[in-house]
């Protein structure tokens, strides 16, 4: 499988049969063929791997085929937005999209020193795996397309001293709407969310049953996400949306419940319990236990013996 690295927006546009960019650091592309035509994004039966040296926001309807980011498969759907950062690798196989699609491409230098450069780092969807793309409702799809049209209108105008500021303003609006729609998506995917939480707990159960914590310590959010085949930000957002608690909180609660069982064993040792759970220092364990239960480990043991 060959890998294509698009170093600049011009090369990307040429590969997509789009016009050369008006600005080497920013471009918005719009493909619209007749209603019965489809766009083939990858050769039949072949996998195409590519990465970009710039940000990409795309809006397209996937008819067939699949995209892959690393280990995860993209579940195509009508009205889908995908976000990627520089250097992310994407693999496409047998991908066919509907007649209309949008691309917004911008280099880090286009937003450097602006507020949006800081804000974009906080939008988790730029770090999600592709199977966690944004699936839009018809109304949401129209909202995003309306903003894209506004950006395109300004982009196609004779650019002047106000052009970049106006484009950035529209881009910020688009990202805010995307953030809102992503939060809606998390709330609407209840069954998927519950399944992910069950698998999250299964990973923890297996880890502690095999006593991996004794050698490797408490499992990290990143490690658990890898076992689930998803990005840690998506996992954290899903757990927070479904339970109201962060993934770290869920791990800590798990540790506390395990600790309660260990502390009630005959001749239980607080330090031995801490090490058994993967804590490097017993005082960290004691601090967490009291924070979650309101009692120190010693007080918990004494109360249990008294009762």
Foldseek 3Di string as FASTA:
>chain_A
DDEAEAEWPQVVCVLVVHDGAPDRFKHKTKFADPQPDKDWPDDAPDKYKYFYQWKKKKWWAWPDWWKFFPQDIADGHHGWIAIEGGPGMMITHRTMTGRIMMMIIGHLVLCPPHPVNVVVVVLCRNVKTNNLIQHDDPVLSVVLVVLSVVLVVLSPPPDDPCSSVSNVVSVVVNSVSSSVSSLVVLLVPQVVLVVLVVLLVVVVVVCLVVLVLLVVAQDDLQVSCVVVVIGSVVNQSSCCSRPVDGPVVVSLVVLLVQLLVQLQPPPRDQQVSCSSRNHPGSVVVQVSNCVVPVDGSVRSNVVVVVD
